[in-house]
Amino acid sequence: MNFKNYVVINLSIALILSICTAFLGFNNITLKIHNLYSLQLDYYFKNYTIWAEWPVIVLGIFLMIRFSWRKGLWFSIVFGIESLFVQFIKFQLNFPRPVEKFGSSIRHIDGEVLKHFQGFPSGHTSAAFFATGMIILSLPKHKLQNITLFAIIISAFLIGYSRIYLGQHSIEDTLAGCIIANIFFYLAGITYPSVEKKFFNKKHI
C-alpha cells in the first residue's frame, strides 16, 4: 500500500464517521461510546491507549529508517512538525474535555487521570495514524494481505475509540486528530521525492 492509498482510506472512513456523527449528534455519540463499558474493556483500553504514547511512534520510526533511512528521516521530521502543530492548536484553543463538558456523566476509571482542557485535537490519535502509516510503508508489500492491512489501519482507529471510551476526548477531537495526521502524512509523501533529489541527489526509490 502506498501513502496515497493509506490516506484516502483513512480520510474516507473519517468523512463517513463525521457525517454520521454530525447527524446523530457529536455529544450523543461521545457519551454512548464512553458508557458502553465493562471491567474487561476498562482494563483493555486503559492499556491499549498506551500504544500511541510511545510504542507505535518508536516502532514506526525504527521500521521506516531501517527500510530507507532517507525516507524515514524525512517522514520523522514531518512527524515532529505535525506533533508540534497539534500541540499548538491544543494550547491556543484550549477546548474543554468530556469531564468539563459532561460532568458527572463521565466515569472515573481506576488509574485513569482525567484531563480537563486542551482536548482538541487528540494527540494520541494523530500520533497513532502517522506512525501506523510509517509502519505500513515499511512492511514488505508483496507479503501483506488486505486483511492484514485492514487490521493495522483499524488499530489506529481503535486508539481514537479508546480516547473516547476513557473519557479523555470527544469524538470530534479524535476525528480531527485523524484528519490532521493524514494531511501531514500525505504532505510528507508528496514532498519526499523533491527532498531526496535536492538533499541526497538520488532518484526516488
N, C-alpha and C. Protein backbone atom coordinates (compact mmCIF):
# COMPACT_ATOMS: atom_id res chain seq x y z
N MET A 1 0.85 -1.20 0.00
CA MET A 1 0.00 0.00 0.00
C MET A 1 0.88 1.25 0.00
N ASN A 2 0.63 2.18 -0.91
CA ASN A 2 1.40 3.42 -0.91
C ASN A 2 0.75 4.46 0.00
N PHE A 3 1.44 5.56 0.21
CA PHE A 3 0.97 6.56 1.17
C PHE A 3 -0.35 7.20 0.73
N LYS A 4 -0.57 7.32 -0.58
CA LYS A 4 -1.81 7.93 -1.06
C LYS A 4 -3.02 7.05 -0.74
N ASN A 5 -2.89 5.75 -0.96
CA ASN A 5 -4.00 4.84 -0.64
C ASN A 5 -4.30 4.83 0.85
N TYR A 6 -3.25 4.85 1.66
CA TYR A 6 -3.42 4.87 3.11
C TYR A 6 -4.22 6.10 3.54
N VAL A 7 -3.85 7.25 2.99
CA VAL A 7 -4.53 8.50 3.34
C VAL A 7 -5.97 8.50 2.84
N VAL A 8 -6.18 8.03 1.61
CA VAL A 8 -7.54 8.01 1.05
C VAL A 8 -8.46 7.13 1.88
N ILE A 9 -7.97 5.96 2.27
CA ILE A 9 -8.79 5.04 3.09
C ILE A 9 -9.14 5.70 4.42
N ASN A 10 -8.15 6.27 5.09
CA ASN A 10 -8.39 6.87 6.40
C ASN A 10 -9.34 8.07 6.33
N LEU A 11 -9.10 8.94 5.36
CA LEU A 11 -9.94 10.13 5.26
C LEU A 11 -11.36 9.78 4.80
N SER A 12 -11.49 8.74 3.99
CA SER A 12 -12.83 8.31 3.58
C SER A 12 -13.63 7.80 4.78
N ILE A 13 -12.97 6.97 5.59
CA ILE A 13 -13.63 6.46 6.79
C ILE A 13 -13.95 7.61 7.74
N ALA A 14 -13.00 8.54 7.92
CA ALA A 14 -13.21 9.69 8.81
C ALA A 14 -14.36 10.56 8.34
N LEU A 15 -14.48 10.72 7.01
CA LEU A 15 -15.56 11.53 6.45
C LEU A 15 -16.92 10.87 6.72
N ILE A 16 -16.99 9.57 6.49
CA ILE A 16 -18.24 8.84 6.75
C ILE A 16 -18.62 8.94 8.23
N LEU A 17 -17.63 8.75 9.10
CA LEU A 17 -17.88 8.83 10.54
C LEU A 17 -18.32 10.24 10.94
N SER A 18 -17.70 11.25 10.32
CA SER A 18 -18.05 12.64 10.64
C SER A 18 -19.48 12.96 10.25
N ILE A 19 -19.89 12.50 9.06
CA ILE A 19 -21.25 12.76 8.58
C ILE A 19 -22.27 12.06 9.48
N CYS A 20 -22.00 10.80 9.79
CA CYS A 20 -22.92 10.03 10.64
C CYS A 20 -23.00 10.64 12.04
N THR A 21 -21.85 11.05 12.55
CA THR A 21 -21.81 11.62 13.90
C THR A 21 -22.51 12.97 13.95
N ALA A 22 -22.32 13.78 12.90
CA ALA A 22 -22.99 15.08 12.86
C ALA A 22 -24.50 14.90 12.83
N PHE A 23 -24.96 13.88 12.11
CA PHE A 23 -26.39 13.60 12.02
C PHE A 23 -26.95 13.12 13.36
N LEU A 24 -26.19 12.27 14.05
CA LEU A 24 -26.65 11.70 15.31
C LEU A 24 -26.33 12.57 16.52
N GLY A 25 -25.38 13.48 16.35
CA GLY A 25 -25.00 14.37 17.45
C GLY A 25 -23.66 13.98 18.05
N PHE A 26 -22.71 14.90 17.99
CA PHE A 26 -21.37 14.61 18.50
C PHE A 26 -21.39 14.25 19.98
N ASN A 27 -22.13 15.01 20.75
CA ASN A 27 -22.17 14.74 22.19
C ASN A 27 -22.84 13.40 22.49
N ASN A 28 -23.90 13.09 21.76
CA ASN A 28 -24.60 11.82 21.97
C ASN A 28 -23.69 10.63 21.69
N ILE A 29 -22.97 10.68 20.59
CA ILE A 29 -22.08 9.57 20.22
C ILE A 29 -20.94 9.45 21.23
N THR A 30 -20.39 10.57 21.63
CA THR A 30 -19.30 10.54 22.62
C THR A 30 -19.74 9.85 23.90
N LEU A 31 -20.91 10.21 24.39
CA LEU A 31 -21.41 9.62 25.64
C LEU A 31 -21.79 8.15 25.46
N LYS A 32 -22.32 7.80 24.29
CA LYS A 32 -22.68 6.39 24.05
C LYS A 32 -21.43 5.51 24.04
N ILE A 33 -20.38 5.98 23.37
CA ILE A 33 -19.13 5.20 23.34
C ILE A 33 -18.56 5.09 24.74
N HIS A 34 -18.57 6.19 25.45
CA HIS A 34 -17.99 6.21 26.80
C HIS A 34 -18.74 5.30 27.76
N ASN A 35 -20.04 5.20 27.58
CA ASN A 35 -20.85 4.44 28.53
C ASN A 35 -21.16 3.01 28.10
N LEU A 36 -20.62 2.57 26.96
CA LEU A 36 -20.70 1.15 26.59
C LEU A 36 -19.48 0.46 27.19
N TYR A 37 -19.55 0.16 28.48
CA TYR A 37 -18.35 -0.27 29.18
C TYR A 37 -18.54 -1.58 29.95
N SER A 38 -17.40 -2.13 30.31
CA SER A 38 -17.32 -3.29 31.20
C SER A 38 -15.96 -3.23 31.86
N LEU A 39 -15.77 -4.01 32.91
CA LEU A 39 -14.49 -4.01 33.61
C LEU A 39 -13.37 -4.51 32.69
N GLN A 40 -13.72 -5.48 31.83
CA GLN A 40 -12.74 -6.02 30.90
C GLN A 40 -12.31 -4.96 29.88
N LEU A 41 -13.29 -4.20 29.36
CA LEU A 41 -12.97 -3.15 28.41
C LEU A 41 -12.20 -2.01 29.07
N ASP A 42 -12.54 -1.71 30.32
CA ASP A 42 -11.79 -0.70 31.07
C ASP A 42 -10.30 -1.07 31.09
N TYR A 43 -10.03 -2.30 31.44
CA TYR A 43 -8.64 -2.77 31.54
C TYR A 43 -7.97 -2.76 30.16
N TYR A 44 -8.70 -3.23 29.15
CA TYR A 44 -8.12 -3.32 27.81
C TYR A 44 -7.77 -1.95 27.26
N PHE A 45 -8.73 -1.01 27.24
CA PHE A 45 -8.48 0.28 26.62
C PHE A 45 -7.53 1.16 27.44
N LYS A 46 -7.53 0.96 28.76
CA LYS A 46 -6.59 1.71 29.60
C LYS A 46 -5.15 1.35 29.24
N ASN A 47 -4.94 0.10 28.87
CA ASN A 47 -3.60 -0.34 28.47
C ASN A 47 -3.35 -0.14 26.97
N TYR A 48 -4.39 -0.31 26.16
CA TYR A 48 -4.22 -0.18 24.72
C TYR A 48 -3.85 1.25 24.32
N THR A 49 -4.39 2.23 25.02
CA THR A 49 -4.13 3.62 24.65
C THR A 49 -2.66 3.98 24.81
N ILE A 50 -1.94 3.22 25.64
CA ILE A 50 -0.50 3.46 25.82
C ILE A 50 0.26 3.22 24.53
N TRP A 51 -0.28 2.38 23.65
CA TRP A 51 0.33 2.08 22.35
C TRP A 51 0.67 3.35 21.59
N ALA A 52 -0.17 4.40 21.73
CA ALA A 52 0.04 5.64 20.98
C ALA A 52 0.89 6.65 21.73
N GLU A 53 1.29 6.33 22.96
CA GLU A 53 2.10 7.27 23.73
C GLU A 53 3.57 7.22 23.33
N TRP A 54 4.06 6.01 23.05
CA TRP A 54 5.43 5.89 22.54
C TRP A 54 5.73 4.62 21.74
N PRO A 55 5.12 3.45 22.07
CA PRO A 55 5.50 2.24 21.33
C PRO A 55 5.30 2.34 19.82
N VAL A 56 4.13 2.80 19.37
CA VAL A 56 3.88 2.87 17.93
C VAL A 56 4.76 3.91 17.26
N ILE A 57 5.09 4.97 18.00
CA ILE A 57 5.96 6.02 17.45
C ILE A 57 7.38 5.47 17.24
N VAL A 58 7.91 4.82 18.27
CA VAL A 58 9.25 4.24 18.19
C VAL A 58 9.31 3.19 17.09
N LEU A 59 8.29 2.32 17.04
CA LEU A 59 8.26 1.26 16.04
C LEU A 59 8.17 1.83 14.63
N GLY A 60 7.31 2.82 14.43
CA GLY A 60 7.14 3.42 13.11
C GLY A 60 8.42 4.06 12.61
N ILE A 61 9.07 4.84 13.47
CA ILE A 61 10.31 5.50 13.07
C ILE A 61 11.41 4.47 12.82
N PHE A 62 11.52 3.49 13.72
CA PHE A 62 12.56 2.47 13.58
C PHE A 62 12.42 1.69 12.27
N LEU A 63 11.19 1.21 12.00
CA LEU A 63 10.97 0.40 10.80
C LEU A 63 11.20 1.19 9.53
N MET A 64 10.78 2.45 9.53
CA MET A 64 10.93 3.22 8.30
C MET A 64 12.37 3.60 8.04
N ILE A 65 13.10 3.95 9.09
CA ILE A 65 14.52 4.26 8.91
C ILE A 65 15.28 3.00 8.49
N ARG A 66 14.88 1.86 9.04
CA ARG A 66 15.51 0.59 8.66
C ARG A 66 15.21 0.25 7.20
N PHE A 67 13.99 0.57 6.76
CA PHE A 67 13.58 0.30 5.38
C PHE A 67 14.30 1.24 4.42
N SER A 68 14.34 2.52 4.75
CA SER A 68 15.02 3.53 3.94
C SER A 68 15.33 4.72 4.85
N TRP A 69 16.59 4.86 5.22
CA TRP A 69 16.91 5.89 6.21
C TRP A 69 16.61 7.29 5.72
N ARG A 70 16.72 7.52 4.41
CA ARG A 70 16.41 8.84 3.88
C ARG A 70 14.93 9.16 4.02
N LYS A 71 14.12 8.23 3.55
CA LYS A 71 12.67 8.43 3.64
C LYS A 71 12.23 8.44 5.11
N GLY A 72 12.81 7.56 5.90
CA GLY A 72 12.48 7.50 7.32
C GLY A 72 12.82 8.79 8.03
N LEU A 73 13.96 9.37 7.69
CA LEU A 73 14.36 10.64 8.30
C LEU A 73 13.39 11.75 7.95
N TRP A 74 13.00 11.82 6.66
CA TRP A 74 12.09 12.88 6.22
C TRP A 74 10.71 12.73 6.87
N PHE A 75 10.18 11.52 6.87
CA PHE A 75 8.88 11.30 7.49
C PHE A 75 8.93 11.58 8.99
N SER A 76 10.05 11.28 9.63
CA SER A 76 10.20 11.55 11.07
C SER A 76 10.20 13.05 11.34
N ILE A 77 10.86 13.81 10.45
CA ILE A 77 10.87 15.27 10.61
C ILE A 77 9.47 15.84 10.47
N VAL A 78 8.75 15.37 9.44
CA VAL A 78 7.37 15.84 9.24
C VAL A 78 6.49 15.41 10.41
N PHE A 79 6.74 14.22 10.93
CA PHE A 79 6.01 13.72 12.10
C PHE A 79 6.21 14.67 13.28
N GLY A 80 7.45 15.12 13.47
CA GLY A 80 7.74 16.05 14.55
C GLY A 80 7.02 17.38 14.36
N ILE A 81 7.00 17.87 13.12
CA ILE A 81 6.29 19.12 12.82
C ILE A 81 4.80 18.96 13.07
N GLU A 82 4.26 17.82 12.65
CA GLU A 82 2.83 17.55 12.86
C GLU A 82 2.50 17.52 14.35
N SER A 83 3.35 16.91 15.15
CA SER A 83 3.12 16.83 16.59
C SER A 83 3.14 18.22 17.23
N LEU A 84 4.08 19.06 16.80
CA LEU A 84 4.15 20.43 17.32
C LEU A 84 2.90 21.23 16.91
N PHE A 85 2.44 20.99 15.68
CA PHE A 85 1.24 21.67 15.18
C PHE A 85 0.03 21.30 16.03
N VAL A 86 -0.11 20.01 16.35
CA VAL A 86 -1.23 19.54 17.17
C VAL A 86 -1.17 20.18 18.56
N GLN A 87 0.02 20.20 19.15
CA GLN A 87 0.17 20.79 20.47
C GLN A 87 -0.12 22.29 20.45
N PHE A 88 0.27 22.96 19.37
CA PHE A 88 0.00 24.40 19.23
C PHE A 88 -1.50 24.66 19.22
N ILE A 89 -2.24 23.86 18.45
CA ILE A 89 -3.70 24.03 18.39
C ILE A 89 -4.31 23.76 19.77
N LYS A 90 -3.84 22.72 20.43
CA LYS A 90 -4.36 22.38 21.76
C LYS A 90 -4.25 23.57 22.70
N PHE A 91 -3.06 24.17 22.77
CA PHE A 91 -2.83 25.27 23.70
C PHE A 91 -3.55 26.54 23.29
N GLN A 92 -3.63 26.79 21.98
CA GLN A 92 -4.29 28.00 21.51
C GLN A 92 -5.81 27.95 21.73
N LEU A 93 -6.41 26.82 21.40
CA LEU A 93 -7.87 26.70 21.53
C LEU A 93 -8.29 26.38 22.96
N ASN A 94 -7.50 25.51 23.61
CA ASN A 94 -7.78 25.12 25.00
C ASN A 94 -9.22 24.65 25.19
N PHE A 95 -9.70 23.82 24.26
CA PHE A 95 -11.07 23.33 24.33
C PHE A 95 -11.25 22.38 25.51
N PRO A 96 -12.43 22.39 26.11
CA PRO A 96 -12.70 21.51 27.25
C PRO A 96 -12.79 20.04 26.83
N ARG A 97 -12.39 19.17 27.75
CA ARG A 97 -12.50 17.74 27.54
C ARG A 97 -13.84 17.27 28.11
N PRO A 98 -14.19 15.99 27.88
CA PRO A 98 -15.51 15.48 28.31
C PRO A 98 -15.87 15.73 29.76
N VAL A 99 -14.92 15.61 30.69
CA VAL A 99 -15.26 15.78 32.10
C VAL A 99 -15.73 17.21 32.39
N GLU A 100 -15.25 18.17 31.59
CA GLU A 100 -15.70 19.55 31.73
C GLU A 100 -17.04 19.76 31.04
N LYS A 101 -17.24 19.08 29.91
CA LYS A 101 -18.47 19.27 29.14
C LYS A 101 -19.65 18.50 29.71
N PHE A 102 -19.37 17.30 30.23
CA PHE A 102 -20.47 16.41 30.63
C PHE A 102 -20.52 16.13 32.14
N GLY A 103 -19.54 16.61 32.88
CA GLY A 103 -19.57 16.49 34.34
C GLY A 103 -19.68 15.07 34.85
N SER A 104 -20.69 14.82 35.64
CA SER A 104 -20.86 13.52 36.30
C SER A 104 -21.22 12.38 35.34
N SER A 105 -21.50 12.71 34.09
CA SER A 105 -21.79 11.66 33.11
C SER A 105 -20.54 10.90 32.70
N ILE A 106 -19.38 11.46 33.03
CA ILE A 106 -18.10 10.82 32.69
C ILE A 106 -17.63 9.97 33.87
N ARG A 107 -17.39 8.69 33.59
CA ARG A 107 -16.94 7.75 34.61
C ARG A 107 -15.47 8.00 34.96
N HIS A 108 -15.12 7.73 36.20
CA HIS A 108 -13.72 7.79 36.61
C HIS A 108 -13.20 6.36 36.70
N ILE A 109 -12.41 5.99 35.71
CA ILE A 109 -11.86 4.64 35.62
C ILE A 109 -10.62 4.55 36.50
N ASP A 110 -10.51 3.49 37.26
CA ASP A 110 -9.37 3.31 38.16
C ASP A 110 -8.05 3.45 37.42
N GLY A 111 -7.20 4.32 37.94
CA GLY A 111 -5.88 4.51 37.36
C GLY A 111 -5.83 5.50 36.22
N GLU A 112 -6.99 6.00 35.79
CA GLU A 112 -7.05 6.94 34.67
C GLU A 112 -7.28 8.35 35.20
N VAL A 113 -6.30 9.22 34.99
CA VAL A 113 -6.40 10.61 35.43
C VAL A 113 -7.04 11.43 34.31
N LEU A 114 -8.21 11.97 34.59
CA LEU A 114 -8.92 12.73 33.56
C LEU A 114 -8.38 14.15 33.44
N LYS A 115 -8.07 14.54 32.22
CA LYS A 115 -7.64 15.90 31.96
C LYS A 115 -8.86 16.75 31.66
N HIS A 116 -8.74 18.06 31.87
CA HIS A 116 -9.91 18.92 31.77
C HIS A 116 -9.93 19.81 30.53
N PHE A 117 -8.77 20.19 30.05
CA PHE A 117 -8.75 21.09 28.91
C PHE A 117 -7.73 20.62 27.86
N GLN A 118 -7.55 21.42 26.83
CA GLN A 118 -6.67 21.10 25.69
C GLN A 118 -7.09 19.78 25.05
N GLY A 119 -8.39 19.69 24.79
CA GLY A 119 -8.95 18.45 24.25
C GLY A 119 -8.89 18.32 22.74
N PHE A 120 -8.83 19.44 22.03
CA PHE A 120 -8.93 19.40 20.57
C PHE A 120 -7.63 19.88 19.94
N PRO A 121 -7.06 19.06 19.04
CA PRO A 121 -7.43 17.69 18.64
C PRO A 121 -6.75 16.66 19.54
N SER A 122 -7.03 15.39 19.28
CA SER A 122 -6.43 14.32 20.07
C SER A 122 -5.01 14.02 19.60
N GLY A 123 -4.05 14.23 20.50
CA GLY A 123 -2.65 13.96 20.16
C GLY A 123 -2.37 12.48 20.02
N HIS A 124 -2.99 11.65 20.87
CA HIS A 124 -2.81 10.20 20.77
C HIS A 124 -3.27 9.70 19.40
N THR A 125 -4.42 10.19 18.96
CA THR A 125 -4.98 9.73 17.69
C THR A 125 -4.12 10.15 16.52
N SER A 126 -3.67 11.40 16.52
CA SER A 126 -2.84 11.87 15.42
C SER A 126 -1.52 11.10 15.37
N ALA A 127 -0.93 10.84 16.52
CA ALA A 127 0.33 10.08 16.57
C ALA A 127 0.12 8.67 16.06
N ALA A 128 -1.00 8.07 16.44
CA ALA A 128 -1.28 6.69 16.02
C ALA A 128 -1.40 6.58 14.50
N PHE A 129 -2.09 7.52 13.88
CA PHE A 129 -2.28 7.45 12.42
C PHE A 129 -0.99 7.72 11.66
N PHE A 130 -0.21 8.68 12.09
CA PHE A 130 1.02 8.97 11.37
C PHE A 130 2.00 7.81 11.51
N ALA A 131 2.19 7.33 12.74
CA ALA A 131 3.14 6.24 12.98
C ALA A 131 2.69 4.95 12.33
N THR A 132 1.39 4.69 12.33
CA THR A 132 0.86 3.48 11.68
C THR A 132 1.14 3.53 10.19
N GLY A 133 1.01 4.71 9.60
CA GLY A 133 1.32 4.86 8.18
C GLY A 133 2.79 4.54 7.90
N MET A 134 3.67 4.97 8.78
CA MET A 134 5.09 4.68 8.62
C MET A 134 5.35 3.17 8.69
N ILE A 135 4.64 2.51 9.59
CA ILE A 135 4.79 1.05 9.71
C ILE A 135 4.35 0.37 8.41
N ILE A 136 3.21 0.77 7.89
CA ILE A 136 2.68 0.16 6.66
C ILE A 136 3.63 0.36 5.48
N LEU A 137 4.19 1.57 5.35
CA LEU A 137 5.11 1.84 4.25
C LEU A 137 6.40 1.04 4.37
N SER A 138 6.72 0.60 5.60
CA SER A 138 7.97 -0.12 5.84
C SER A 138 7.85 -1.63 5.66
N LEU A 139 6.63 -2.13 5.65
CA LEU A 139 6.43 -3.58 5.56
C LEU A 139 6.53 -4.05 4.12
N PRO A 140 7.01 -5.29 3.90
CA PRO A 140 7.12 -5.83 2.54
C PRO A 140 5.76 -5.96 1.88
N LYS A 141 5.54 -5.18 0.83
CA LYS A 141 4.22 -5.08 0.21
C LYS A 141 3.71 -6.40 -0.36
N HIS A 142 4.61 -7.19 -0.92
CA HIS A 142 4.18 -8.42 -1.57
C HIS A 142 3.72 -9.48 -0.57
N LYS A 143 4.05 -9.30 0.71
CA LYS A 143 3.68 -10.29 1.72
C LYS A 143 2.44 -9.89 2.53
N LEU A 144 1.97 -8.67 2.30
CA LEU A 144 0.83 -8.16 3.06
C LEU A 144 -0.49 -8.47 2.37
N GLN A 145 -1.38 -9.12 3.07
CA GLN A 145 -2.72 -9.37 2.55
C GLN A 145 -3.63 -8.22 2.95
N ASN A 146 -4.72 -8.05 2.22
CA ASN A 146 -5.64 -6.95 2.50
C ASN A 146 -6.18 -7.00 3.92
N ILE A 147 -6.43 -8.19 4.43
CA ILE A 147 -6.98 -8.31 5.78
C ILE A 147 -5.97 -7.84 6.82
N THR A 148 -4.68 -8.05 6.54
CA THR A 148 -3.63 -7.59 7.45
C THR A 148 -3.55 -6.07 7.44
N LEU A 149 -3.59 -5.48 6.25
CA LEU A 149 -3.58 -4.02 6.13
C LEU A 149 -4.78 -3.41 6.83
N PHE A 150 -5.94 -4.04 6.64
CA PHE A 150 -7.16 -3.54 7.26
C PHE A 150 -7.03 -3.58 8.79
N ALA A 151 -6.49 -4.65 9.31
CA ALA A 151 -6.33 -4.80 10.76
C ALA A 151 -5.38 -3.74 11.32
N ILE A 152 -4.31 -3.45 10.58
CA ILE A 152 -3.35 -2.44 11.02
C ILE A 152 -3.99 -1.05 11.04
N ILE A 153 -4.77 -0.75 10.01
CA ILE A 153 -5.46 0.54 9.95
C ILE A 153 -6.49 0.66 11.07
N ILE A 154 -7.24 -0.41 11.30
CA ILE A 154 -8.24 -0.40 12.37
C ILE A 154 -7.58 -0.16 13.73
N SER A 155 -6.33 -0.64 13.90
CA SER A 155 -5.63 -0.43 15.17
C SER A 155 -5.46 1.05 15.47
N ALA A 156 -5.30 1.88 14.42
CA ALA A 156 -5.18 3.32 14.62
C ALA A 156 -6.53 3.92 15.00
N PHE A 157 -7.60 3.47 14.34
CA PHE A 157 -8.93 3.96 14.69
C PHE A 157 -9.31 3.57 16.11
N LEU A 158 -8.83 2.41 16.54
CA LEU A 158 -9.13 1.96 17.91
C LEU A 158 -8.47 2.84 18.97
N ILE A 159 -7.35 3.48 18.61
CA ILE A 159 -6.74 4.43 19.54
C ILE A 159 -7.70 5.59 19.77
N GLY A 160 -8.28 6.10 18.68
CA GLY A 160 -9.26 7.17 18.81
C GLY A 160 -10.45 6.73 19.65
N TYR A 161 -10.91 5.50 19.41
CA TYR A 161 -12.04 4.96 20.18
C TYR A 161 -11.66 4.87 21.66
N SER A 162 -10.43 4.44 21.94
CA SER A 162 -10.01 4.29 23.34
C SER A 162 -10.00 5.63 24.07
N ARG A 163 -9.64 6.69 23.35
CA ARG A 163 -9.60 8.01 23.99
C ARG A 163 -11.00 8.49 24.37
N ILE A 164 -11.99 8.15 23.54
CA ILE A 164 -13.37 8.50 23.87
C ILE A 164 -13.87 7.62 25.01
N TYR A 165 -13.59 6.32 24.90
CA TYR A 165 -14.02 5.35 25.92
C TYR A 165 -13.51 5.74 27.30
N LEU A 166 -12.27 6.18 27.36
CA LEU A 166 -11.65 6.52 28.64
C LEU A 166 -12.07 7.89 29.17
N GLY A 167 -12.84 8.62 28.39
CA GLY A 167 -13.31 9.92 28.84
C GLY A 167 -12.30 11.04 28.67
N GLN A 168 -11.28 10.80 27.85
CA GLN A 168 -10.24 11.80 27.66
C GLN A 168 -10.54 12.74 26.50
N HIS A 169 -11.35 12.28 25.55
CA HIS A 169 -11.64 13.10 24.37
C HIS A 169 -13.07 12.88 23.90
N SER A 170 -13.58 13.88 23.19
CA SER A 170 -14.85 13.75 22.48
C SER A 170 -14.55 13.22 21.08
N ILE A 171 -15.58 12.73 20.39
CA ILE A 171 -15.35 12.12 19.09
C ILE A 171 -14.81 13.12 18.07
N GLU A 172 -15.21 14.39 18.17
CA GLU A 172 -14.69 15.38 17.23
C GLU A 172 -13.18 15.60 17.42
N ASP A 173 -12.70 15.43 18.65
CA ASP A 173 -11.26 15.57 18.91
C ASP A 173 -10.48 14.48 18.18
N THR A 174 -10.99 13.26 18.24
CA THR A 174 -10.28 12.14 17.62
C THR A 174 -10.37 12.20 16.10
N LEU A 175 -11.52 12.60 15.57
CA LEU A 175 -11.64 12.74 14.12
C LEU A 175 -10.69 13.81 13.59
N ALA A 176 -10.57 14.90 14.33
CA ALA A 176 -9.64 15.96 13.93
C ALA A 176 -8.20 15.46 13.97
N GLY A 177 -7.87 14.68 15.00
CA GLY A 177 -6.53 14.12 15.09
C GLY A 177 -6.21 13.22 13.91
N CYS A 178 -7.19 12.42 13.51
CA CYS A 178 -7.04 11.54 12.34
C CYS A 178 -6.81 12.35 11.08
N ILE A 179 -7.63 13.37 10.86
CA ILE A 179 -7.55 14.17 9.64
C ILE A 179 -6.22 14.93 9.56
N ILE A 180 -5.81 15.55 10.65
CA ILE A 180 -4.55 16.30 10.67
C ILE A 180 -3.36 15.39 10.37
N ALA A 181 -3.33 14.23 11.03
CA ALA A 181 -2.23 13.30 10.82
C ALA A 181 -2.14 12.86 9.37
N ASN A 182 -3.28 12.58 8.74
CA ASN A 182 -3.27 12.10 7.36
C ASN A 182 -2.91 13.20 6.38
N ILE A 183 -3.26 14.44 6.67
CA ILE A 183 -2.86 15.55 5.81
C ILE A 183 -1.34 15.70 5.85
N PHE A 184 -0.77 15.67 7.04
CA PHE A 184 0.69 15.79 7.16
C PHE A 184 1.40 14.58 6.54
N PHE A 185 0.80 13.40 6.70
CA PHE A 185 1.40 12.20 6.12
C PHE A 185 1.41 12.29 4.60
N TYR A 186 0.34 12.80 4.04
CA TYR A 186 0.26 13.00 2.59
C TYR A 186 1.31 14.01 2.13
N LEU A 187 1.44 15.10 2.89
CA LEU A 187 2.43 16.12 2.54
C LEU A 187 3.85 15.55 2.59
N ALA A 188 4.09 14.69 3.59
CA ALA A 188 5.41 14.05 3.68
C ALA A 188 5.68 13.20 2.45
N GLY A 189 4.65 12.48 2.01
CA GLY A 189 4.80 11.59 0.86
C GLY A 189 5.04 12.33 -0.45
N ILE A 190 4.28 13.40 -0.68
CA ILE A 190 4.40 14.09 -1.97
C ILE A 190 5.64 14.97 -2.03
N THR A 191 6.17 15.39 -0.89
CA THR A 191 7.36 16.25 -0.90
C THR A 191 8.66 15.46 -0.85
N TYR A 192 8.58 14.18 -0.47
CA TYR A 192 9.81 13.40 -0.31
C TYR A 192 10.65 13.30 -1.59
N PRO A 193 10.06 13.03 -2.76
CA PRO A 193 10.90 12.93 -3.97
C PRO A 193 11.74 14.19 -4.21
N SER A 194 11.14 15.37 -3.98
CA SER A 194 11.88 16.62 -4.17
C SER A 194 12.98 16.78 -3.13
N VAL A 195 12.67 16.39 -1.90
CA VAL A 195 13.66 16.47 -0.82
C VAL A 195 14.83 15.54 -1.11
N GLU A 196 14.52 14.34 -1.56
CA GLU A 196 15.57 13.36 -1.86
C GLU A 196 16.46 13.86 -3.00
N LYS A 197 15.82 14.41 -4.02
CA LYS A 197 16.59 14.89 -5.18
C LYS A 197 17.47 16.07 -4.80
N LYS A 198 16.95 16.93 -3.93
CA LYS A 198 17.68 18.14 -3.57
C LYS A 198 18.80 17.86 -2.58
N PHE A 199 18.52 17.03 -1.58
CA PHE A 199 19.48 16.85 -0.50
C PHE A 199 20.31 15.57 -0.61
N PHE A 200 19.77 14.57 -1.30
CA PHE A 200 20.50 13.31 -1.39
C PHE A 200 20.99 13.02 -2.81
N ASN A 201 20.49 13.84 -3.77
CA ASN A 201 20.92 13.69 -5.17
C ASN A 201 20.81 12.26 -5.66
N LYS A 202 19.60 11.67 -5.38
CA LYS A 202 19.38 10.28 -5.76
C LYS A 202 17.93 10.13 -6.16
N LYS A 203 17.65 9.34 -7.16
CA LYS A 203 16.28 9.14 -7.61
C LYS A 203 15.46 8.46 -6.53
N HIS A 204 14.18 8.80 -6.53
CA HIS A 204 13.24 8.22 -5.55
C HIS A 204 13.16 6.71 -5.73
N ILE A 205 13.26 5.99 -4.63
CA ILE A 205 13.20 4.52 -4.66
C ILE A 205 11.76 4.08 -4.63
